[in-house]
Amino acid sequence: MTEITRPHAAAPHGPGFAGRFLRWCAKAYNAATEADVIATMDERMISEIARDCSISPQELVRMARAGPEAADEMLALMRYLGIDPVEVLLQHPVLFRDMQLRCAKCSAKSRCRRDLSNSNAAAEFSHYCSNSDELNAMRPLPGVILDQL
């Protein structure tokens, strides 16, 4: 999965075509690398890793194929809603993992990205996001709210 950072961390590549292209190349490389690593493992090893992660072997393979950015929309939506993903990960790691799995398998990613870019996400995500119950429950929790500067 994608590395979780504080929302004010600097982006590795600037805006514009070159930055977008470099990010796309990095994502493609990372996804191919993870899928290639999984492909070299035998079924026993995949099953052990999946068990350690509390997911099925099929989910592990699916997640590797989806790439490390498969749940980026969840992180962006959390930040948009004022929820600190780092705090959620630290305080509720099993819930965070389950939410990542649901996001990675989501069929509404394009709508989510569109709503985030149009600043409609807070009003719309409950209509399609499979993590909406959890996200709505976290919104008022003081320990997981992003610090407002």
C-alpha atoms as a PDB file:
ATOM      1  CA  MET A   1       0.000   0.000   0.000  1.00  0.00           C
ATOM      2  CA  THR A   2       0.961   3.599  -0.315  1.00  0.00           C
ATOM      3  CA  GLU A   3       3.102   5.113   2.392  1.00  0.00           C
ATOM      4  CA  ILE A   4       1.000   7.149   4.763  1.00  0.00           C
ATOM      5  CA  THR A   5       2.376  10.582   5.464  1.00  0.00           C
ATOM      6  CA  ARG A   6       1.167  13.676   7.202  1.00  0.00           C
ATOM      7  CA  PRO A   7      -0.920  15.853   4.863  1.00  0.00           C
ATOM      8  CA  HIS A   8       1.637  18.660   4.717  1.00  0.00           C
ATOM      9  CA  ALA A   9       4.471  16.498   3.361  1.00  0.00           C
ATOM     10  CA  ALA A  10       6.022  17.836   0.161  1.00  0.00           C
ATOM     11  CA  ALA A  11       5.173  16.009  -3.049  1.00  0.00           C
ATOM     12  CA  PRO A  12       8.173  14.256  -4.666  1.00  0.00           C
ATOM     13  CA  HIS A  13       7.335  15.621  -8.103  1.00  0.00           C
ATOM     14  CA  GLY A  14       5.981  19.030  -8.955  1.00  0.00           C
ATOM     15  CA  PRO A  15       2.794  19.858 -10.827  1.00  0.00           C
ATOM     16  CA  GLY A  16       2.475  19.727 -14.567  1.00  0.00           C
ATOM     17  CA  PHE A  17       2.900  17.051 -17.172  1.00  0.00           C
ATOM     18  CA  ALA A  18       6.414  16.018 -16.149  1.00  0.00           C
ATOM     19  CA  GLY A  19       5.403  15.565 -12.514  1.00  0.00           C
ATOM     20  CA  ARG A  20       2.293  13.585 -13.442  1.00  0.00           C
ATOM     21  CA  PHE A  21       4.306  11.434 -15.842  1.00  0.00           C
ATOM     22  CA  LEU A  22       6.987  10.696 -13.238  1.00  0.00           C
ATOM     23  CA  ARG A  23       4.341   9.753 -10.646  1.00  0.00           C
ATOM     24  CA  TRP A  24       2.644   7.500 -13.203  1.00  0.00           C
ATOM     25  CA  CYS A  25       5.985   5.789 -14.001  1.00  0.00           C
ATOM     26  CA  ALA A  26       6.722   5.278 -10.300  1.00  0.00           C
ATOM     27  CA  LYS A  27       3.252   3.787  -9.688  1.00  0.00           C
ATOM     28  CA  ALA A  28       3.541   1.452 -12.671  1.00  0.00           C
ATOM     29  CA  TYR A  29       7.009   0.295 -11.571  1.00  0.00           C
ATOM     30  CA  ASN A  30       5.906  -0.309  -7.984  1.00  0.00           C
ATOM     31  CA  ALA A  31       2.780  -2.212  -9.045  1.00  0.00           C
ATOM     32  CA  ALA A  32       4.727  -4.380 -11.480  1.00  0.00           C
ATOM     33  CA  THR A  33       7.421  -5.072  -8.891  1.00  0.00           C
ATOM     34  CA  GLU A  34       4.968  -6.160  -6.180  1.00  0.00           C
ATOM     35  CA  ALA A  35       3.003  -8.351  -8.591  1.00  0.00           C
ATOM     36  CA  ASP A  36       6.254  -9.886  -9.854  1.00  0.00           C
ATOM     37  CA  VAL A  37       7.373 -10.697  -6.303  1.00  0.00           C
ATOM     38  CA  ILE A  38       4.053 -12.381  -5.503  1.00  0.00           C
ATOM     39  CA  ALA A  39       4.253 -14.334  -8.781  1.00  0.00           C
ATOM     40  CA  THR A  40       7.578 -15.885  -7.713  1.00  0.00           C
ATOM     41  CA  MET A  41       6.188 -17.208  -4.413  1.00  0.00           C
ATOM     42  CA  ASP A  42       4.788 -20.679  -3.931  1.00  0.00           C
ATOM     43  CA  GLU A  43       1.261 -21.180  -2.610  1.00  0.00           C
ATOM     44  CA  ARG A  44       2.478 -22.012   0.915  1.00  0.00           C
ATOM     45  CA  MET A  45       4.379 -18.739   1.229  1.00  0.00           C
ATOM     46  CA  ILE A  46       1.478 -16.720  -0.162  1.00  0.00           C
ATOM     47  CA  SER A  47      -0.864 -18.435   2.318  1.00  0.00           C
ATOM     48  CA  GLU A  48       1.480 -17.671   5.238  1.00  0.00           C
ATOM     49  CA  ILE A  49       1.803 -14.005   4.307  1.00  0.00           C
ATOM     50  CA  ALA A  50      -1.951 -13.735   3.792  1.00  0.00           C
ATOM     51  CA  ARG A  51      -2.589 -15.346   7.181  1.00  0.00           C
ATOM     52  CA  ASP A  52      -0.152 -12.901   8.821  1.00  0.00           C
ATOM     53  CA  CYS A  53      -2.114 -10.051   7.214  1.00  0.00           C
ATOM     54  CA  SER A  54      -5.487 -11.612   8.173  1.00  0.00           C
ATOM     55  CA  ILE A  55      -6.626 -11.766   4.559  1.00  0.00           C
ATOM     56  CA  SER A  56      -7.192 -14.608   2.127  1.00  0.00           C
ATOM     57  CA  PRO A  57      -4.449 -15.653  -0.315  1.00  0.00           C
ATOM     58  CA  GLN A  58      -6.702 -14.514  -3.164  1.00  0.00           C
ATOM     59  CA  GLU A  59      -7.046 -11.056  -1.573  1.00  0.00           C
ATOM     60  CA  LEU A  60      -3.274 -10.825  -1.151  1.00  0.00           C
ATOM     61  CA  VAL A  61      -2.698 -11.598  -4.837  1.00  0.00           C
ATOM     62  CA  ARG A  62      -5.471  -9.173  -5.876  1.00  0.00           C
ATOM     63  CA  MET A  63      -3.975  -6.423  -3.707  1.00  0.00           C
ATOM     64  CA  ALA A  64      -0.494  -6.982  -5.140  1.00  0.00           C
ATOM     65  CA  ARG A  65      -1.866  -6.758  -8.662  1.00  0.00           C
ATOM     66  CA  ALA A  66      -3.790  -3.586  -7.809  1.00  0.00           C
ATOM     67  CA  GLY A  67      -0.544  -1.936  -6.742  1.00  0.00           C
ATOM     68  CA  PRO A  68       0.507   0.173  -3.787  1.00  0.00           C
ATOM     69  CA  GLU A  69      -1.874   3.019  -4.616  1.00  0.00           C
ATOM     70  CA  ALA A  70      -5.006   0.853  -4.678  1.00  0.00           C
ATOM     71  CA  ALA A  71      -6.474   2.593  -1.614  1.00  0.00           C
ATOM     72  CA  ASP A  72      -5.209   6.135  -2.192  1.00  0.00           C
ATOM     73  CA  GLU A  73      -8.781   7.397  -2.493  1.00  0.00           C
ATOM     74  CA  MET A  74      -9.431   6.317   1.101  1.00  0.00           C
ATOM     75  CA  LEU A  75      -6.458   8.318   2.354  1.00  0.00           C
ATOM     76  CA  ALA A  76      -7.497  11.366   0.328  1.00  0.00           C
ATOM     77  CA  LEU A  77     -11.089  11.111   1.534  1.00  0.00           C
ATOM     78  CA  MET A  78      -9.965  10.793   5.151  1.00  0.00           C
ATOM     79  CA  ARG A  79      -7.857  13.928   4.836  1.00  0.00           C
ATOM     80  CA  TYR A  80     -10.694  15.747   3.049  1.00  0.00           C
ATOM     81  CA  LEU A  81     -13.036  14.872   5.926  1.00  0.00           C
ATOM     82  CA  GLY A  82     -10.489  16.050   8.503  1.00  0.00           C
ATOM     83  CA  ILE A  83      -9.550  12.547   9.663  1.00  0.00           C
ATOM     84  CA  ASP A  84      -5.860  11.814  10.214  1.00  0.00           C
ATOM     85  CA  PRO A  85      -5.049   8.481   8.478  1.00  0.00           C
ATOM     86  CA  VAL A  86      -1.887   8.063  10.558  1.00  0.00           C
ATOM     87  CA  GLU A  87      -3.863   8.264  13.788  1.00  0.00           C
ATOM     88  CA  VAL A  88      -6.471   5.830  12.477  1.00  0.00           C
ATOM     89  CA  LEU A  89      -3.715   3.408  11.480  1.00  0.00           C
ATOM     90  CA  LEU A  90      -2.074   3.707  14.902  1.00  0.00           C
ATOM     91  CA  GLN A  91      -5.266   3.517  16.951  1.00  0.00           C
ATOM     92  CA  HIS A  92      -7.274   1.055  14.825  1.00  0.00           C
ATOM     93  CA  PRO A  93      -4.887  -1.001  12.637  1.00  0.00           C
ATOM     94  CA  VAL A  94      -7.330  -3.849  11.900  1.00  0.00           C
ATOM     95  CA  LEU A  95     -10.121  -1.443  10.968  1.00  0.00           C
ATOM     96  CA  PHE A  96      -7.671   0.543   8.809  1.00  0.00           C
ATOM     97  CA  ARG A  97      -6.614  -2.631   6.973  1.00  0.00           C
ATOM     98  CA  ASP A  98     -10.232  -3.643   6.400  1.00  0.00           C
ATOM     99  CA  MET A  99     -11.034  -0.185   5.057  1.00  0.00           C
ATOM    100  CA  GLN A 100      -8.024  -0.351   2.723  1.00  0.00           C
ATOM    101  CA  LEU A 101      -9.202  -3.702   1.376  1.00  0.00           C
ATOM    102  CA  ARG A 102     -12.699  -2.362   0.725  1.00  0.00           C
ATOM    103  CA  CYS A 103     -11.297   0.734  -0.988  1.00  0.00           C
ATOM    104  CA  ALA A 104      -8.901  -1.285  -3.122  1.00  0.00           C
ATOM    105  CA  LYS A 105     -11.813  -3.408  -4.381  1.00  0.00           C
ATOM    106  CA  CYS A 106     -14.163  -0.458  -4.901  1.00  0.00           C
ATOM    107  CA  SER A 107     -15.869   0.050  -8.248  1.00  0.00           C
ATOM    108  CA  ALA A 108     -16.645   3.747  -7.589  1.00  0.00           C
ATOM    109  CA  LYS A 109     -13.061   5.048  -7.644  1.00  0.00           C
ATOM    110  CA  SER A 110     -13.598   7.437 -10.549  1.00  0.00           C
ATOM    111  CA  ARG A 111     -16.643   8.972  -8.855  1.00  0.00           C
ATOM    112  CA  CYS A 112     -14.701   9.289  -5.595  1.00  0.00           C
ATOM    113  CA  ARG A 113     -11.772  11.013  -7.321  1.00  0.00           C
ATOM    114  CA  ARG A 114     -14.169  13.305  -9.194  1.00  0.00           C
ATOM    115  CA  ASP A 115     -16.002  14.255  -5.978  1.00  0.00           C
ATOM    116  CA  LEU A 116     -12.689  14.905  -4.221  1.00  0.00           C
ATOM    117  CA  SER A 117     -11.475  17.119  -7.060  1.00  0.00           C
ATOM    118  CA  ASN A 118     -14.809  18.984  -7.232  1.00  0.00           C
ATOM    119  CA  SER A 119     -14.991  19.422  -3.446  1.00  0.00           C
ATOM    120  CA  ASN A 120     -18.254  17.436  -3.352  1.00  0.00           C
ATOM    121  CA  ALA A 121     -16.909  14.447  -1.435  1.00  0.00           C
ATOM    122  CA  ALA A 122     -18.269  15.357   2.013  1.00  0.00           C
ATOM    123  CA  ALA A 123     -21.818  15.568   0.677  1.00  0.00           C
ATOM    124  CA  GLU A 124     -21.635  12.609  -1.726  1.00  0.00           C
ATOM    125  CA  PHE A 125     -19.351   9.842  -0.426  1.00  0.00           C
ATOM    126  CA  SER A 126     -22.052   8.261   1.755  1.00  0.00           C
ATOM    127  CA  HIS A 127     -23.978   7.366  -1.409  1.00  0.00           C
ATOM    128  CA  TYR A 128     -21.282   5.055  -2.817  1.00  0.00           C
ATOM    129  CA  CYS A 129     -18.370   4.530  -0.412  1.00  0.00           C
ATOM    130  CA  SER A 130     -18.283   1.145   1.306  1.00  0.00           C
ATOM    131  CA  ASN A 131     -16.309   2.793   4.128  1.00  0.00           C
ATOM    132  CA  SER A 132     -18.855   5.551   4.712  1.00  0.00           C
ATOM    133  CA  ASP A 133     -20.162   4.170   8.013  1.00  0.00           C
ATOM    134  CA  GLU A 134     -16.661   3.984   9.458  1.00  0.00           C
ATOM    135  CA  LEU A 135     -15.635   7.379   8.091  1.00  0.00           C
ATOM    136  CA  ASN A 136     -18.771   9.051   9.406  1.00  0.00           C
ATOM    137  CA  ALA A 137     -18.216   7.451  12.804  1.00  0.00           C
ATOM    138  CA  MET A 138     -14.620   8.769  12.910  1.00  0.00           C
ATOM    139  CA  ARG A 139     -15.432  12.335  11.949  1.00  0.00           C
ATOM    140  CA  PRO A 140     -16.306  13.501  15.470  1.00  0.00           C
ATOM    141  CA  LEU A 141     -13.536  11.546  17.239  1.00  0.00           C
ATOM    142  CA  PRO A 142     -11.020  14.065  18.645  1.00  0.00           C
ATOM    143  CA  GLY A 143      -8.081  11.636  18.521  1.00  0.00           C
ATOM    144  CA  VAL A 144      -8.275  11.089  14.783  1.00  0.00           C
ATOM    145  CA  ILE A 145      -9.127  14.612  13.634  1.00  0.00           C
ATOM    146  CA  LEU A 146      -6.454  16.440  11.648  1.00  0.00           C
ATOM    147  CA  ASP A 147      -5.021  19.453  13.373  1.00  0.00           C
ATOM    148  CA  GLN A 148      -6.482  22.547  11.787  1.00  0.00           C
ATOM    149  CA  LEU A 149      -3.729  25.096  11.275  1.00  0.00           C
END
